[in-house]
């Protein structure tokens, strides 16, 4: 009897364990870490595109709308894979939590940069950038649980008003959100 390598396909036609470990020698941890990076890059690209807008309030509104639409189109199954990694207990792979934190920080920095460009202080921009990410992520989780867009719509409306006030009250502000 001659032993043969199982090949790239497992018994169900999907990738075999050998194929996965061939491409991800670090196993599940490496696979998850790379998935976090990929998902982080994808969402960062969406944030970066939205942040090119001249109107920061409209840009953030568009970001919330994007998530709302994703939730509806997926039947409330869409969610943030970074949250999934962040809340998972990974005592054997603490780098996964660090990777998730780095992705969240990157998103916050993109939002903070937008607000800073529109005249908010660095400290206020960073706080609001973090708050926007917290609001979106929390709203997505609640929408999934409730099978409703109400949480993300409420969060979007409050963030919208908060940004209008913050931009109106910044030093040297004109009568609208644009400098």
C-alpha atoms as a PDB file:
ATOM      1  CA  UNK A   1       0.000   0.000   0.000  1.00  0.00           C
ATOM      2  CA  UNK A   2       1.363   3.384  -0.996  1.00  0.00           C
ATOM      3  CA  UNK A   3       0.611   6.417   1.164  1.00  0.00           C
ATOM      4  CA  UNK A   4      -0.408   9.487  -0.732  1.00  0.00           C
ATOM      5  CA  UNK A   5      -0.504  13.066   0.396  1.00  0.00           C
ATOM      6  CA  UNK A   6      -4.153  14.024   0.945  1.00  0.00           C
ATOM      7  CA  UNK A   7      -3.832  16.978  -1.422  1.00  0.00           C
ATOM      8  CA  UNK A   8      -5.345  20.388  -0.965  1.00  0.00           C
ATOM      9  CA  UNK A   9      -8.928  19.227  -0.654  1.00  0.00           C
ATOM     10  CA  UNK A  10     -10.278  17.567   2.413  1.00  0.00           C
ATOM     11  CA  UNK A  11     -12.918  14.847   2.425  1.00  0.00           C
ATOM     12  CA  UNK A  12     -15.762  17.367   2.099  1.00  0.00           C
ATOM     13  CA  UNK A  13     -14.204  19.056  -0.916  1.00  0.00           C
ATOM     14  CA  UNK A  14     -13.082  22.042   1.157  1.00  0.00           C
ATOM     15  CA  UNK A  15      -9.538  22.788   2.161  1.00  0.00           C
ATOM     16  CA  UNK A  16      -7.872  20.135   4.243  1.00  0.00           C
ATOM     17  CA  UNK A  17      -6.224  20.849   7.534  1.00  0.00           C
ATOM     18  CA  UNK A  18      -2.908  20.288   5.774  1.00  0.00           C
ATOM     19  CA  UNK A  19      -3.663  23.010   3.226  1.00  0.00           C
ATOM     20  CA  UNK A  20      -4.650  25.495   5.925  1.00  0.00           C
ATOM     21  CA  UNK A  21      -1.497  24.809   7.937  1.00  0.00           C
ATOM     22  CA  UNK A  22       0.586  24.985   4.762  1.00  0.00           C
ATOM     23  CA  UNK A  23      -0.580  28.564   4.162  1.00  0.00           C
ATOM     24  CA  UNK A  24      -0.859  29.476   7.831  1.00  0.00           C
ATOM     25  CA  UNK A  25       1.930  27.667   9.678  1.00  0.00           C
ATOM     26  CA  UNK A  26       0.987  29.594  12.816  1.00  0.00           C
ATOM     27  CA  UNK A  27      -2.368  27.800  12.768  1.00  0.00           C
ATOM     28  CA  UNK A  28      -5.619  29.306  13.959  1.00  0.00           C
ATOM     29  CA  UNK A  29      -3.861  32.249  15.619  1.00  0.00           C
ATOM     30  CA  UNK A  30      -2.093  33.293  12.433  1.00  0.00           C
ATOM     31  CA  UNK A  31      -5.222  32.789  10.357  1.00  0.00           C
ATOM     32  CA  UNK A  32      -7.287  34.904  12.769  1.00  0.00           C
ATOM     33  CA  UNK A  33      -4.606  37.584  13.004  1.00  0.00           C
ATOM     34  CA  UNK A  34      -4.431  37.872   9.217  1.00  0.00           C
ATOM     35  CA  UNK A  35      -8.219  37.956   8.970  1.00  0.00           C
ATOM     36  CA  UNK A  36      -8.273  40.805  11.515  1.00  0.00           C
ATOM     37  CA  UNK A  37      -5.739  42.724   9.433  1.00  0.00           C
ATOM     38  CA  UNK A  38      -7.686  42.138   6.218  1.00  0.00           C
ATOM     39  CA  UNK A  39     -11.030  43.149   7.740  1.00  0.00           C
ATOM     40  CA  UNK A  40      -9.377  46.132   9.393  1.00  0.00           C
ATOM     41  CA  UNK A  41      -7.937  47.257   6.063  1.00  0.00           C
ATOM     42  CA  UNK A  42     -11.294  46.853   4.342  1.00  0.00           C
ATOM     43  CA  UNK A  43     -13.191  48.989   6.872  1.00  0.00           C
ATOM     44  CA  UNK A  44     -10.293  51.482   7.037  1.00  0.00           C
ATOM     45  CA  UNK A  45     -10.622  51.890   3.280  1.00  0.00           C
ATOM     46  CA  UNK A  46     -14.316  52.653   3.669  1.00  0.00           C
ATOM     47  CA  UNK A  47     -13.572  55.135   6.450  1.00  0.00           C
ATOM     48  CA  UNK A  48     -10.767  56.743   4.453  1.00  0.00           C
ATOM     49  CA  UNK A  49     -13.049  57.157   1.425  1.00  0.00           C
ATOM     50  CA  UNK A  50     -15.820  58.693   3.542  1.00  0.00           C
ATOM     51  CA  UNK A  51     -13.344  60.967   5.300  1.00  0.00           C
ATOM     52  CA  UNK A  52     -12.384  62.704   2.048  1.00  0.00           C
ATOM     53  CA  UNK A  53     -15.670  64.603   2.151  1.00  0.00           C
ATOM     54  CA  UNK A  54     -15.650  68.341   2.603  1.00  0.00           C
ATOM     55  CA  UNK A  55     -18.360  68.038   5.227  1.00  0.00           C
ATOM     56  CA  UNK A  56     -17.273  65.931   8.231  1.00  0.00           C
ATOM     57  CA  UNK A  57     -20.857  65.545   9.454  1.00  0.00           C
ATOM     58  CA  UNK A  58     -21.948  64.144   6.093  1.00  0.00           C
ATOM     59  CA  UNK A  59     -18.922  61.833   6.083  1.00  0.00           C
ATOM     60  CA  UNK A  60     -19.797  60.364   9.478  1.00  0.00           C
ATOM     61  CA  UNK A  61     -23.471  60.159   8.489  1.00  0.00           C
ATOM     62  CA  UNK A  62     -22.400  58.150   5.425  1.00  0.00           C
ATOM     63  CA  UNK A  63     -20.364  55.792   7.615  1.00  0.00           C
ATOM     64  CA  UNK A  64     -23.395  55.054   9.812  1.00  0.00           C
ATOM     65  CA  UNK A  65     -25.589  54.640   6.730  1.00  0.00           C
ATOM     66  CA  UNK A  66     -23.105  52.181   5.261  1.00  0.00           C
ATOM     67  CA  UNK A  67     -23.368  49.989   8.371  1.00  0.00           C
ATOM     68  CA  UNK A  68     -27.140  50.338   8.474  1.00  0.00           C
ATOM     69  CA  UNK A  69     -27.385  49.196   4.861  1.00  0.00           C
ATOM     70  CA  UNK A  70     -25.016  46.266   5.476  1.00  0.00           C
ATOM     71  CA  UNK A  71     -27.152  45.123   8.381  1.00  0.00           C
ATOM     72  CA  UNK A  72     -30.396  45.303   6.406  1.00  0.00           C
ATOM     73  CA  UNK A  73     -28.932  43.639   3.290  1.00  0.00           C
ATOM     74  CA  UNK A  74     -27.559  40.767   5.379  1.00  0.00           C
ATOM     75  CA  UNK A  75     -30.764  40.199   7.324  1.00  0.00           C
ATOM     76  CA  UNK A  76     -28.960  41.471  10.445  1.00  0.00           C
ATOM     77  CA  UNK A  77     -26.188  38.878  10.117  1.00  0.00           C
ATOM     78  CA  UNK A  78     -23.414  41.316   9.197  1.00  0.00           C
ATOM     79  CA  UNK A  79     -21.198  42.372  12.015  1.00  0.00           C
ATOM     80  CA  UNK A  80     -17.732  43.544  12.707  1.00  0.00           C
ATOM     81  CA  UNK A  81     -15.184  40.723  12.725  1.00  0.00           C
ATOM     82  CA  UNK A  82     -12.862  42.867  14.824  1.00  0.00           C
ATOM     83  CA  UNK A  83     -15.432  42.925  17.638  1.00  0.00           C
ATOM     84  CA  UNK A  84     -15.705  39.144  17.422  1.00  0.00           C
ATOM     85  CA  UNK A  85     -11.953  38.786  17.927  1.00  0.00           C
ATOM     86  CA  UNK A  86     -11.811  41.449  20.638  1.00  0.00           C
ATOM     87  CA  UNK A  87     -14.487  39.826  22.802  1.00  0.00           C
ATOM     88  CA  UNK A  88     -13.200  36.277  22.338  1.00  0.00           C
ATOM     89  CA  UNK A  89     -11.119  34.968  25.229  1.00  0.00           C
ATOM     90  CA  UNK A  90      -7.698  34.355  23.714  1.00  0.00           C
ATOM     91  CA  UNK A  91      -5.496  33.578  26.681  1.00  0.00           C
ATOM     92  CA  UNK A  92      -3.341  31.421  24.431  1.00  0.00           C
ATOM     93  CA  UNK A  93      -3.052  34.176  21.794  1.00  0.00           C
ATOM     94  CA  UNK A  94      -3.011  37.628  23.436  1.00  0.00           C
ATOM     95  CA  UNK A  95      -1.656  39.127  20.213  1.00  0.00           C
ATOM     96  CA  UNK A  96      -5.150  38.813  18.730  1.00  0.00           C
ATOM     97  CA  UNK A  97      -6.512  41.343  21.221  1.00  0.00           C
ATOM     98  CA  UNK A  98      -3.552  43.607  20.428  1.00  0.00           C
ATOM     99  CA  UNK A  99      -4.286  43.268  16.703  1.00  0.00           C
ATOM    100  CA  UNK A 100      -7.946  44.151  17.260  1.00  0.00           C
ATOM    101  CA  UNK A 101      -6.939  47.149  19.390  1.00  0.00           C
ATOM    102  CA  UNK A 102      -4.569  48.324  16.650  1.00  0.00           C
ATOM    103  CA  UNK A 103      -7.369  48.155  14.067  1.00  0.00           C
ATOM    104  CA  UNK A 104      -9.748  50.131  16.274  1.00  0.00           C
ATOM    105  CA  UNK A 105      -6.988  52.702  16.901  1.00  0.00           C
ATOM    106  CA  UNK A 106      -6.413  53.058  13.162  1.00  0.00           C
ATOM    107  CA  UNK A 107     -10.094  53.738  12.551  1.00  0.00           C
ATOM    108  CA  UNK A 108     -10.231  56.245  15.410  1.00  0.00           C
ATOM    109  CA  UNK A 109      -7.161  58.045  14.063  1.00  0.00           C
ATOM    110  CA  UNK A 110      -8.766  58.394  10.625  1.00  0.00           C
ATOM    111  CA  UNK A 111     -11.856  59.950  12.166  1.00  0.00           C
ATOM    112  CA  UNK A 112      -9.786  62.170  14.453  1.00  0.00           C
ATOM    113  CA  UNK A 113      -7.751  63.394  11.478  1.00  0.00           C
ATOM    114  CA  UNK A 114     -10.964  64.373   9.689  1.00  0.00           C
ATOM    115  CA  UNK A 115     -12.223  66.352  12.674  1.00  0.00           C
ATOM    116  CA  UNK A 116      -8.826  67.952  13.247  1.00  0.00           C
ATOM    117  CA  UNK A 117      -8.784  69.098   9.589  1.00  0.00           C
ATOM    118  CA  UNK A 118     -12.106  70.795  10.242  1.00  0.00           C
ATOM    119  CA  UNK A 119     -10.908  72.830  13.181  1.00  0.00           C
ATOM    120  CA  UNK A 120     -11.469  70.768  16.306  1.00  0.00           C
ATOM    121  CA  UNK A 121      -8.673  70.493  18.812  1.00  0.00           C
ATOM    122  CA  UNK A 122      -6.500  67.399  18.745  1.00  0.00           C
ATOM    123  CA  UNK A 123      -7.854  66.208  22.090  1.00  0.00           C
ATOM    124  CA  UNK A 124     -11.507  66.714  21.091  1.00  0.00           C
ATOM    125  CA  UNK A 125     -10.895  65.087  17.704  1.00  0.00           C
ATOM    126  CA  UNK A 126      -9.403  61.986  19.325  1.00  0.00           C
ATOM    127  CA  UNK A 127     -12.229  61.674  21.842  1.00  0.00           C
ATOM    128  CA  UNK A 128     -14.904  62.069  19.179  1.00  0.00           C
ATOM    129  CA  UNK A 129     -13.103  59.641  16.857  1.00  0.00           C
ATOM    130  CA  UNK A 130     -13.153  57.032  19.612  1.00  0.00           C
ATOM    131  CA  UNK A 131     -16.763  57.808  20.482  1.00  0.00           C
ATOM    132  CA  UNK A 132     -17.907  57.412  16.869  1.00  0.00           C
ATOM    133  CA  UNK A 133     -16.302  53.962  16.654  1.00  0.00           C
ATOM    134  CA  UNK A 134     -17.818  52.967  20.001  1.00  0.00           C
ATOM    135  CA  UNK A 135     -21.243  54.184  18.870  1.00  0.00           C
ATOM    136  CA  UNK A 136     -21.111  52.349  15.533  1.00  0.00           C
ATOM    137  CA  UNK A 137     -19.841  49.087  17.023  1.00  0.00           C
ATOM    138  CA  UNK A 138     -22.329  49.117  19.876  1.00  0.00           C
ATOM    139  CA  UNK A 139     -25.181  49.998  17.544  1.00  0.00           C
ATOM    140  CA  UNK A 140     -24.286  47.155  15.154  1.00  0.00           C
ATOM    141  CA  UNK A 141     -24.335  44.674  18.027  1.00  0.00           C
ATOM    142  CA  UNK A 142     -27.670  45.961  19.291  1.00  0.00           C
ATOM    143  CA  UNK A 143     -29.188  45.952  15.790  1.00  0.00           C
ATOM    144  CA  UNK A 144     -28.230  42.317  15.370  1.00  0.00           C
ATOM    145  CA  UNK A 145     -29.724  41.404  18.735  1.00  0.00           C
ATOM    146  CA  UNK A 146     -32.942  43.348  18.143  1.00  0.00           C
ATOM    147  CA  UNK A 147     -33.215  42.604  14.404  1.00  0.00           C
ATOM    148  CA  UNK A 148     -33.894  46.302  13.973  1.00  0.00           C
ATOM    149  CA  UNK A 149     -32.147  49.383  12.591  1.00  0.00           C
ATOM    150  CA  UNK A 150     -33.431  51.526  15.461  1.00  0.00           C
ATOM    151  CA  UNK A 151     -30.181  51.412  17.501  1.00  0.00           C
ATOM    152  CA  UNK A 152     -27.942  52.508  14.630  1.00  0.00           C
ATOM    153  CA  UNK A 153     -30.415  55.170  13.544  1.00  0.00           C
ATOM    154  CA  UNK A 154     -30.538  56.562  17.093  1.00  0.00           C
ATOM    155  CA  UNK A 155     -26.737  56.497  17.407  1.00  0.00           C
ATOM    156  CA  UNK A 156     -26.331  58.173  14.007  1.00  0.00           C
ATOM    157  CA  UNK A 157     -28.785  60.940  14.920  1.00  0.00           C
ATOM    158  CA  UNK A 158     -27.053  61.657  18.235  1.00  0.00           C
ATOM    159  CA  UNK A 159     -23.583  61.637  16.684  1.00  0.00           C
ATOM    160  CA  UNK A 160     -24.863  63.909  13.903  1.00  0.00           C
ATOM    161  CA  UNK A 161     -26.159  66.458  16.432  1.00  0.00           C
ATOM    162  CA  UNK A 162     -23.043  66.152  18.580  1.00  0.00           C
ATOM    163  CA  UNK A 163     -20.786  66.854  15.598  1.00  0.00           C
ATOM    164  CA  UNK A 164     -22.893  69.818  14.474  1.00  0.00           C
ATOM    165  CA  UNK A 165     -22.550  71.367  17.934  1.00  0.00           C
ATOM    166  CA  UNK A 166     -18.852  70.546  18.274  1.00  0.00           C
ATOM    167  CA  UNK A 167     -18.044  72.053  14.881  1.00  0.00           C
ATOM    168  CA  UNK A 168     -20.268  75.088  15.458  1.00  0.00           C
ATOM    169  CA  UNK A 169     -18.620  75.759  18.836  1.00  0.00           C
ATOM    170  CA  UNK A 170     -15.002  75.362  17.696  1.00  0.00           C
ATOM    171  CA  UNK A 171     -12.754  78.436  17.819  1.00  0.00           C
ATOM    172  CA  UNK A 172     -13.138  80.590  14.718  1.00  0.00           C
ATOM    173  CA  UNK A 173     -16.208  78.682  13.500  1.00  0.00           C
ATOM    174  CA  UNK A 174     -18.589  80.147  10.935  1.00  0.00           C
ATOM    175  CA  UNK A 175     -22.303  79.418  10.958  1.00  0.00           C
ATOM    176  CA  UNK A 176     -22.049  75.824   9.620  1.00  0.00           C
ATOM    177  CA  UNK A 177     -19.957  72.731  10.072  1.00  0.00           C
ATOM    178  CA  UNK A 178     -17.489  73.718   7.347  1.00  0.00           C
ATOM    179  CA  UNK A 179     -14.556  75.997   8.117  1.00  0.00           C
END
